[in-house]
Each structure stands twice: as C-alpha cells, then as structure tokens.
Amino acid sequence: AKPISGVPEMANLQPHNLVKMGVAPTVLQLGGRTTVQVSAGIHLLPLSNYKLVWTTDPEFAKKGGLILNTGHITSGEVSFSITNVGKNIVAISPGDVVAIAWLEPIYPFELERVV
C-alpha cells in the first residue's frame, strides 16, 4: 500500500490493490466524543462497473478510540466522518493515514420476490 493525498495517485489505483488515504492538509483536533466530517482531498471521476470502498486504517484506530465511517462511492468527493469515542483530545496531522481504500467491482443483479 502507498500513501496518497490526491487525485494523481488515485489514477493508478487498480481493483484489489489497497491504498492509504489521509485527510485535508490542516491539523485537526478532535475533542472527546466528537464527530467531524473531513475531506480526503480526492475527487473521484465516475467509474464504470467499480466503486471505491474504504475502512479505518488499523494504525489510525490505535490513536485513541477513533472510528472512521466505512463507506463507498462511485463518483464525487471522497469524505469521511471521524468520531473520537474516547475522552481525550486527539490530533490528526497532515499526512496521517486514516483510511484504507480499494476498488470493488459492481455486479448487476435482479431481485425476484418469492411469496
């Protein structure tokens, strides 16, 4: 996995390859039991048959009770909700890796109601 902070590195992302994503280029101070929405600094162009999926980086989770929303997106700005579930203030600095992301295929399907 390689650290990324913007669009150029995302252009090289291939299905099933993991990349690490950081937050916007400012220091973020999270008080206890606080949730904030932050940008990953990435704008995803529409993907054909793929979606970008992310989850909390294990090392980031060890910073002190931080939880990152798990999510997915097929196009648009990538952003995260980060929650500090602890009591202490936690700082997130530029370049800190907060998420692991990868591409997953989207499979078309049809649902049939069974009665």
N, C-alpha and C. Protein backbone atom coordinates (compact mmCIF):
# COMPACT_ATOMS: atom_id res chain seq x y z
N ALA A 1 0.84 -1.18 0.00
CA ALA A 1 0.00 0.00 0.00
C ALA A 1 0.88 1.24 0.00
N LYS A 2 0.39 2.31 -0.61
CA LYS A 2 1.17 3.54 -0.67
C LYS A 2 0.32 4.70 -0.18
N PRO A 3 0.94 5.68 0.52
CA PRO A 3 0.15 6.83 0.98
C PRO A 3 -0.31 7.67 -0.21
N ILE A 4 -1.52 8.23 -0.11
CA ILE A 4 -2.00 9.13 -1.16
C ILE A 4 -2.63 10.35 -0.53
N SER A 5 -2.64 11.44 -1.24
CA SER A 5 -3.28 12.64 -0.73
C SER A 5 -4.12 13.34 -1.79
N GLY A 6 -4.18 12.81 -3.00
CA GLY A 6 -4.96 13.48 -4.02
C GLY A 6 -5.17 12.65 -5.26
N VAL A 7 -5.64 13.28 -6.29
CA VAL A 7 -6.07 12.61 -7.50
C VAL A 7 -4.97 11.86 -8.25
N PRO A 8 -3.74 12.39 -8.40
CA PRO A 8 -2.76 11.67 -9.24
C PRO A 8 -2.54 10.22 -8.84
N GLU A 9 -2.44 9.95 -7.57
CA GLU A 9 -2.21 8.59 -7.12
C GLU A 9 -3.44 7.70 -7.35
N MET A 10 -4.64 8.28 -7.28
CA MET A 10 -5.86 7.50 -7.50
C MET A 10 -5.94 7.03 -8.94
N ALA A 11 -5.31 7.75 -9.84
CA ALA A 11 -5.36 7.37 -11.26
C ALA A 11 -4.71 6.01 -11.49
N ASN A 12 -3.79 5.63 -10.60
CA ASN A 12 -3.08 4.35 -10.73
C ASN A 12 -3.73 3.22 -9.94
N LEU A 13 -4.82 3.52 -9.25
CA LEU A 13 -5.47 2.51 -8.42
C LEU A 13 -6.10 1.43 -9.30
N GLN A 14 -5.77 0.19 -9.00
CA GLN A 14 -6.30 -0.95 -9.73
C GLN A 14 -7.19 -1.77 -8.80
N PRO A 15 -8.15 -2.53 -9.35
CA PRO A 15 -9.00 -3.36 -8.49
C PRO A 15 -8.17 -4.26 -7.58
N HIS A 16 -8.58 -4.35 -6.35
CA HIS A 16 -8.00 -5.21 -5.32
C HIS A 16 -6.64 -4.74 -4.81
N ASN A 17 -6.12 -3.59 -5.26
CA ASN A 17 -4.90 -3.02 -4.69
C ASN A 17 -5.32 -2.04 -3.59
N LEU A 18 -4.70 -2.14 -2.43
CA LEU A 18 -5.01 -1.24 -1.33
C LEU A 18 -4.19 0.03 -1.45
N VAL A 19 -4.79 1.17 -1.11
CA VAL A 19 -4.06 2.42 -0.98
C VAL A 19 -4.45 3.03 0.36
N LYS A 20 -3.56 3.85 0.90
CA LYS A 20 -3.84 4.51 2.17
C LYS A 20 -4.18 5.95 1.90
N MET A 21 -5.23 6.46 2.57
CA MET A 21 -5.69 7.83 2.34
C MET A 21 -5.55 8.65 3.61
N GLY A 22 -5.17 9.93 3.43
CA GLY A 22 -5.05 10.87 4.54
C GLY A 22 -6.22 11.83 4.55
N VAL A 23 -6.08 12.88 5.36
CA VAL A 23 -7.13 13.90 5.46
C VAL A 23 -6.62 15.20 4.85
N ALA A 24 -7.48 16.22 4.85
CA ALA A 24 -7.13 17.53 4.29
C ALA A 24 -5.86 18.08 4.95
N PRO A 25 -5.20 19.06 4.31
CA PRO A 25 -3.86 19.48 4.75
C PRO A 25 -3.81 20.39 5.98
N THR A 26 -4.72 20.24 6.92
CA THR A 26 -4.66 21.04 8.14
C THR A 26 -4.68 20.11 9.35
N VAL A 27 -4.15 20.59 10.49
CA VAL A 27 -4.20 19.81 11.72
C VAL A 27 -5.63 19.82 12.23
N LEU A 28 -6.10 18.67 12.64
CA LEU A 28 -7.47 18.51 13.11
C LEU A 28 -7.41 18.06 14.57
N GLN A 29 -8.03 18.82 15.47
CA GLN A 29 -8.10 18.47 16.89
C GLN A 29 -9.50 17.97 17.19
N LEU A 30 -9.58 16.71 17.62
CA LEU A 30 -10.89 16.12 17.94
C LEU A 30 -11.05 15.99 19.44
N GLY A 31 -12.03 16.70 19.98
CA GLY A 31 -12.34 16.55 21.39
C GLY A 31 -13.02 15.22 21.66
N GLY A 32 -13.10 14.85 22.92
CA GLY A 32 -13.75 13.61 23.29
C GLY A 32 -15.20 13.57 22.85
N ARG A 33 -15.60 12.42 22.35
CA ARG A 33 -16.97 12.18 21.89
C ARG A 33 -17.43 13.21 20.86
N THR A 34 -16.55 13.47 19.90
CA THR A 34 -16.82 14.44 18.84
C THR A 34 -16.77 13.74 17.49
N THR A 35 -17.65 14.15 16.58
CA THR A 35 -17.63 13.64 15.21
C THR A 35 -17.43 14.82 14.27
N VAL A 36 -16.54 14.64 13.29
CA VAL A 36 -16.32 15.67 12.27
C VAL A 36 -16.34 15.03 10.90
N GLN A 37 -16.70 15.82 9.90
CA GLN A 37 -16.66 15.39 8.51
C GLN A 37 -15.42 16.02 7.89
N VAL A 38 -14.55 15.21 7.28
CA VAL A 38 -13.33 15.73 6.66
C VAL A 38 -13.22 15.21 5.23
N SER A 39 -12.57 16.02 4.40
CA SER A 39 -12.35 15.64 3.02
C SER A 39 -11.06 14.85 2.90
N ALA A 40 -11.05 13.87 2.01
CA ALA A 40 -9.83 13.11 1.74
C ALA A 40 -8.97 13.83 0.70
N GLY A 41 -9.48 14.93 0.16
CA GLY A 41 -8.75 15.66 -0.87
C GLY A 41 -8.76 14.94 -2.21
N ILE A 42 -9.75 14.07 -2.41
CA ILE A 42 -9.84 13.27 -3.63
C ILE A 42 -11.20 13.48 -4.25
N HIS A 43 -11.22 13.75 -5.54
CA HIS A 43 -12.47 13.80 -6.29
C HIS A 43 -12.43 12.65 -7.29
N LEU A 44 -13.36 11.76 -7.17
CA LEU A 44 -13.39 10.55 -7.99
C LEU A 44 -14.25 10.77 -9.22
N LEU A 45 -13.65 10.57 -10.40
CA LEU A 45 -14.42 10.63 -11.63
C LEU A 45 -15.31 9.39 -11.71
N PRO A 46 -16.42 9.46 -12.43
CA PRO A 46 -17.30 8.28 -12.50
C PRO A 46 -16.55 7.03 -12.95
N LEU A 47 -16.76 5.95 -12.21
CA LEU A 47 -16.13 4.67 -12.51
C LEU A 47 -17.15 3.75 -13.16
N SER A 48 -16.75 3.09 -14.21
CA SER A 48 -17.64 2.16 -14.87
C SER A 48 -17.48 0.78 -14.24
N ASN A 49 -18.54 0.30 -13.63
CA ASN A 49 -18.58 -1.04 -13.02
C ASN A 49 -17.70 -1.21 -11.79
N TYR A 50 -17.24 -0.12 -11.18
CA TYR A 50 -16.43 -0.20 -9.95
C TYR A 50 -16.89 0.84 -8.96
N LYS A 51 -16.61 0.59 -7.69
CA LYS A 51 -16.83 1.58 -6.65
C LYS A 51 -15.59 1.61 -5.77
N LEU A 52 -15.31 2.79 -5.19
CA LEU A 52 -14.22 2.93 -4.24
C LEU A 52 -14.79 2.63 -2.86
N VAL A 53 -14.15 1.74 -2.13
CA VAL A 53 -14.59 1.33 -0.80
C VAL A 53 -13.48 1.66 0.18
N TRP A 54 -13.84 2.10 1.39
CA TRP A 54 -12.82 2.40 2.39
C TRP A 54 -13.26 1.96 3.77
N THR A 55 -12.26 1.81 4.63
CA THR A 55 -12.49 1.49 6.03
C THR A 55 -11.35 2.09 6.85
N THR A 56 -11.46 2.04 8.15
CA THR A 56 -10.45 2.62 9.04
C THR A 56 -9.11 1.90 8.91
N ASP A 57 -8.03 2.68 8.80
CA ASP A 57 -6.69 2.11 8.83
C ASP A 57 -6.43 1.59 10.24
N PRO A 58 -5.95 0.35 10.41
CA PRO A 58 -5.75 -0.21 11.75
C PRO A 58 -4.83 0.64 12.64
N GLU A 59 -3.80 1.23 12.07
CA GLU A 59 -2.89 2.07 12.86
C GLU A 59 -3.59 3.35 13.32
N PHE A 60 -4.45 3.89 12.48
CA PHE A 60 -5.21 5.09 12.83
C PHE A 60 -6.14 4.80 14.00
N ALA A 61 -6.76 3.64 13.99
CA ALA A 61 -7.69 3.26 15.06
C ALA A 61 -6.99 3.20 16.41
N LYS A 62 -5.69 2.91 16.41
CA LYS A 62 -4.93 2.80 17.66
C LYS A 62 -4.63 4.16 18.28
N LYS A 63 -4.91 5.27 17.57
CA LYS A 63 -4.60 6.61 18.07
C LYS A 63 -5.38 6.98 19.31
N GLY A 64 -6.43 6.26 19.60
CA GLY A 64 -7.17 6.58 20.81
C GLY A 64 -8.67 6.58 20.64
N GLY A 65 -9.22 5.50 20.18
CA GLY A 65 -10.66 5.40 20.11
C GLY A 65 -11.29 6.14 18.95
N LEU A 66 -10.57 6.23 17.84
CA LEU A 66 -11.11 6.90 16.67
C LEU A 66 -11.79 5.90 15.75
N ILE A 67 -12.95 6.27 15.26
CA ILE A 67 -13.70 5.41 14.35
C ILE A 67 -13.97 6.19 13.07
N LEU A 68 -13.71 5.57 11.96
CA LEU A 68 -13.96 6.17 10.65
C LEU A 68 -15.15 5.44 10.05
N ASN A 69 -16.09 6.21 9.48
CA ASN A 69 -17.21 5.52 8.84
C ASN A 69 -16.71 4.68 7.67
N THR A 70 -17.24 3.50 7.52
CA THR A 70 -16.94 2.67 6.36
C THR A 70 -17.90 3.09 5.27
N GLY A 71 -17.38 3.26 4.07
CA GLY A 71 -18.26 3.74 3.02
C GLY A 71 -17.82 3.32 1.65
N HIS A 72 -18.58 3.78 0.67
CA HIS A 72 -18.24 3.52 -0.73
C HIS A 72 -18.82 4.65 -1.57
N ILE A 73 -18.23 4.83 -2.76
CA ILE A 73 -18.64 5.90 -3.65
C ILE A 73 -18.30 5.49 -5.07
N THR A 74 -19.12 5.90 -6.03
CA THR A 74 -18.82 5.62 -7.44
C THR A 74 -18.32 6.87 -8.16
N SER A 75 -18.59 8.06 -7.63
CA SER A 75 -18.05 9.29 -8.20
C SER A 75 -18.26 10.41 -7.19
N GLY A 76 -17.47 11.48 -7.33
CA GLY A 76 -17.61 12.65 -6.46
C GLY A 76 -16.51 12.75 -5.43
N GLU A 77 -16.68 13.70 -4.50
CA GLU A 77 -15.67 13.94 -3.47
C GLU A 77 -15.70 12.85 -2.41
N VAL A 78 -14.53 12.36 -2.06
CA VAL A 78 -14.42 11.35 -1.01
C VAL A 78 -14.25 12.07 0.32
N SER A 79 -15.15 11.81 1.27
CA SER A 79 -15.04 12.41 2.60
C SER A 79 -15.41 11.36 3.64
N PHE A 80 -14.93 11.62 4.86
CA PHE A 80 -15.11 10.67 5.95
C PHE A 80 -15.77 11.36 7.14
N SER A 81 -16.51 10.59 7.92
CA SER A 81 -16.92 11.03 9.25
C SER A 81 -15.98 10.33 10.23
N ILE A 82 -15.28 11.13 11.04
CA ILE A 82 -14.35 10.57 12.02
C ILE A 82 -14.91 10.87 13.40
N THR A 83 -15.04 9.85 14.24
CA THR A 83 -15.55 10.01 15.59
C THR A 83 -14.48 9.64 16.60
N ASN A 84 -14.26 10.54 17.56
CA ASN A 84 -13.38 10.25 18.69
C ASN A 84 -14.29 9.75 19.82
N VAL A 85 -14.28 8.46 20.07
CA VAL A 85 -15.15 7.89 21.09
C VAL A 85 -14.50 7.92 22.48
N GLY A 86 -13.27 8.40 22.54
CA GLY A 86 -12.57 8.50 23.83
C GLY A 86 -12.88 9.81 24.53
N LYS A 87 -12.21 10.02 25.68
CA LYS A 87 -12.41 11.24 26.47
C LYS A 87 -11.34 12.29 26.19
N ASN A 88 -10.19 11.88 25.64
CA ASN A 88 -9.07 12.78 25.44
C ASN A 88 -9.09 13.40 24.04
N ILE A 89 -8.49 14.59 23.92
CA ILE A 89 -8.34 15.24 22.62
C ILE A 89 -7.31 14.48 21.81
N VAL A 90 -7.61 14.25 20.54
CA VAL A 90 -6.70 13.55 19.64
C VAL A 90 -6.43 14.47 18.45
N ALA A 91 -5.15 14.61 18.08
CA ALA A 91 -4.78 15.43 16.93
C ALA A 91 -4.52 14.54 15.72
N ILE A 92 -5.02 14.96 14.58
CA ILE A 92 -4.74 14.30 13.31
C ILE A 92 -3.98 15.31 12.47
N SER A 93 -2.78 14.94 12.07
CA SER A 93 -1.90 15.85 11.34
C SER A 93 -1.92 15.58 9.85
N PRO A 94 -1.53 16.57 9.04
CA PRO A 94 -1.43 16.33 7.60
C PRO A 94 -0.52 15.13 7.34
N GLY A 95 -0.94 14.28 6.44
CA GLY A 95 -0.14 13.10 6.13
C GLY A 95 -0.49 11.88 6.96
N ASP A 96 -1.23 12.06 8.06
CA ASP A 96 -1.66 10.89 8.84
C ASP A 96 -2.58 10.04 7.97
N VAL A 97 -2.34 8.76 7.96
CA VAL A 97 -3.19 7.84 7.20
C VAL A 97 -4.41 7.50 8.05
N VAL A 98 -5.61 7.74 7.51
CA VAL A 98 -6.82 7.46 8.27
C VAL A 98 -7.65 6.32 7.68
N ALA A 99 -7.44 6.03 6.39
CA ALA A 99 -8.29 5.02 5.75
C ALA A 99 -7.49 4.16 4.79
N ILE A 100 -8.00 2.96 4.61
CA ILE A 100 -7.50 2.06 3.58
C ILE A 100 -8.63 1.97 2.55
N ALA A 101 -8.28 2.14 1.27
CA ALA A 101 -9.29 2.13 0.21
C ALA A 101 -8.90 1.15 -0.88
N TRP A 102 -9.93 0.67 -1.59
CA TRP A 102 -9.71 -0.25 -2.70
C TRP A 102 -10.90 -0.16 -3.63
N LEU A 103 -10.72 -0.63 -4.86
CA LEU A 103 -11.80 -0.69 -5.82
C LEU A 103 -12.45 -2.07 -5.77
N GLU A 104 -13.76 -2.09 -5.85
CA GLU A 104 -14.51 -3.35 -5.93
C GLU A 104 -15.41 -3.30 -7.15
N PRO A 105 -15.56 -4.43 -7.84
CA PRO A 105 -16.49 -4.44 -8.98
C PRO A 105 -17.94 -4.34 -8.51
N ILE A 106 -18.76 -3.76 -9.35
CA ILE A 106 -20.20 -3.71 -9.10
C ILE A 106 -20.85 -4.72 -10.04
N TYR A 107 -21.56 -5.67 -9.48
CA TYR A 107 -22.20 -6.71 -10.27
C TYR A 107 -23.68 -6.41 -10.42
N PRO A 108 -24.18 -6.31 -11.66
CA PRO A 108 -25.61 -6.10 -11.83
C PRO A 108 -26.39 -7.36 -11.42
N PHE A 109 -27.56 -7.15 -10.87
CA PHE A 109 -28.40 -8.28 -10.48
C PHE A 109 -29.85 -7.85 -10.46
N GLU A 110 -30.72 -8.80 -10.44
CA GLU A 110 -32.15 -8.54 -10.34
C GLU A 110 -32.69 -9.33 -9.16
N LEU A 111 -33.61 -8.70 -8.45
CA LEU A 111 -34.26 -9.38 -7.32
C LEU A 111 -35.62 -9.89 -7.77
N GLU A 112 -35.95 -11.05 -7.30
CA GLU A 112 -37.26 -11.61 -7.60
C GLU A 112 -37.96 -11.87 -6.27
N ARG A 113 -39.15 -11.36 -6.13
CA ARG A 113 -39.89 -11.56 -4.90
C ARG A 113 -40.46 -12.97 -4.86
N VAL A 114 -40.17 -13.67 -3.77
CA VAL A 114 -40.67 -15.04 -3.60
C VAL A 114 -41.76 -15.00 -2.54
N VAL A 115 -42.92 -15.50 -2.89
CA VAL A 115 -44.07 -15.45 -1.96
C VAL A 115 -44.33 -16.82 -1.42
